[in-house]
């Protein structure tokens, strides 16, 4: 998936092979099939919630939502934490 910074116009391609994206890519995970922009940690920077509906967890295709935290340095450049919520 490609994310465009609304302020700078910078384009960033995200997939599960990047260090700032939690987990690893698997065939047919459908990473990024749903997204939401929200300030999860209320620091004034936009964070990105990324849905991966067919992520294999404790069961095949269990699904998950990951949060990439935004910072002034860019998306995913801050702390990295796996959210506790699973889909």
Protein backbone atom coordinates (compact mmCIF):
# COMPACT_ATOMS: atom_id res chain seq x y z
CA UNK A 1 0.00 0.00 0.00
CA UNK A 2 1.14 3.57 -0.62
CA UNK A 3 0.62 6.35 1.93
CA UNK A 4 0.88 10.01 0.93
CA UNK A 5 1.78 12.58 3.61
CA UNK A 6 -0.86 15.29 3.26
CA UNK A 7 1.51 17.98 4.48
CA UNK A 8 4.67 17.20 2.48
CA UNK A 9 3.36 15.05 -0.37
CA UNK A 10 5.96 12.39 0.45
CA UNK A 11 4.90 8.93 -0.70
CA UNK A 12 5.76 5.89 1.40
CA UNK A 13 5.15 2.31 0.32
CA UNK A 14 4.28 0.03 3.23
CA UNK A 15 4.25 -3.74 3.38
CA UNK A 16 5.03 -6.33 6.02
CA UNK A 17 8.64 -6.74 4.89
CA UNK A 18 9.65 -3.33 6.29
CA UNK A 19 11.17 -3.02 9.77
CA UNK A 20 8.63 -0.36 10.83
CA UNK A 21 5.73 -2.71 10.04
CA UNK A 22 5.13 -5.41 12.66
CA UNK A 23 5.05 -9.09 11.69
CA UNK A 24 6.04 -10.79 8.45
CA UNK A 25 4.30 -11.02 5.12
CA UNK A 26 2.49 -14.21 4.25
CA UNK A 27 0.67 -15.13 1.07
CA UNK A 28 -2.93 -13.83 1.03
CA UNK A 29 -2.76 -11.90 4.37
CA UNK A 30 -4.42 -8.92 2.61
CA UNK A 31 -2.27 -6.43 4.51
CA UNK A 32 -3.77 -2.95 4.25
CA UNK A 33 -7.21 -4.02 3.08
CA UNK A 34 -8.60 -1.62 5.68
CA UNK A 35 -6.97 1.47 7.14
CA UNK A 36 -7.85 4.31 9.50
CA UNK A 37 -5.98 7.48 10.38
CA UNK A 38 -6.28 8.40 14.05
CA UNK A 39 -4.14 9.94 16.78
CA UNK A 40 -4.05 6.84 18.99
CA UNK A 41 -1.54 8.14 21.53
CA UNK A 42 -2.80 11.76 21.43
CA UNK A 43 0.59 13.27 20.62
CA UNK A 44 -0.70 15.48 17.79
CA UNK A 45 0.72 13.23 15.03
CA UNK A 46 -1.44 11.06 12.79
CA UNK A 47 -1.11 7.33 13.43
CA UNK A 48 -2.17 4.64 10.96
CA UNK A 49 -4.25 1.59 11.90
CA UNK A 50 -3.73 -1.14 9.29
CA UNK A 51 -6.01 -4.14 9.00
CA UNK A 52 -4.68 -7.52 7.95
CA UNK A 53 -7.79 -9.72 7.98
CA UNK A 54 -6.11 -13.01 7.10
CA UNK A 55 -3.00 -12.77 9.30
CA UNK A 56 -2.12 -16.14 10.83
CA UNK A 57 -1.90 -15.86 14.60
CA UNK A 58 -3.01 -18.52 17.07
CA UNK A 59 -5.36 -19.74 14.34
CA UNK A 60 -5.08 -19.56 10.55
CA UNK A 61 -6.53 -16.35 9.10
CA UNK A 62 -7.33 -14.94 12.57
CA UNK A 63 -6.62 -11.36 11.45
CA UNK A 64 -5.06 -8.41 13.23
CA UNK A 65 -4.84 -4.63 13.33
CA UNK A 66 -1.41 -3.00 13.65
CA UNK A 67 -0.72 0.61 14.58
CA UNK A 68 2.10 2.59 12.96
CA UNK A 69 2.72 5.61 15.16
CA UNK A 70 3.32 8.93 13.46
CA UNK A 71 6.03 11.33 14.60
CA UNK A 72 7.41 14.58 13.24
CA UNK A 73 10.12 12.37 11.64
CA UNK A 74 7.51 10.34 9.77
CA UNK A 75 5.16 7.41 9.97
CA UNK A 76 6.53 4.42 11.86
CA UNK A 77 9.63 6.30 13.04
CA UNK A 78 8.57 6.41 16.69
CA UNK A 79 7.99 3.65 19.19
CA UNK A 80 6.93 0.32 17.82
CA UNK A 81 4.35 -1.63 19.74
CA UNK A 82 1.96 -4.36 18.77
CA UNK A 83 -1.54 -3.39 19.88
CA UNK A 84 -3.40 -5.73 22.16
CA UNK A 85 -6.55 -5.66 20.02
CA UNK A 86 -7.01 -8.50 17.59
CA UNK A 87 -9.75 -8.74 14.99
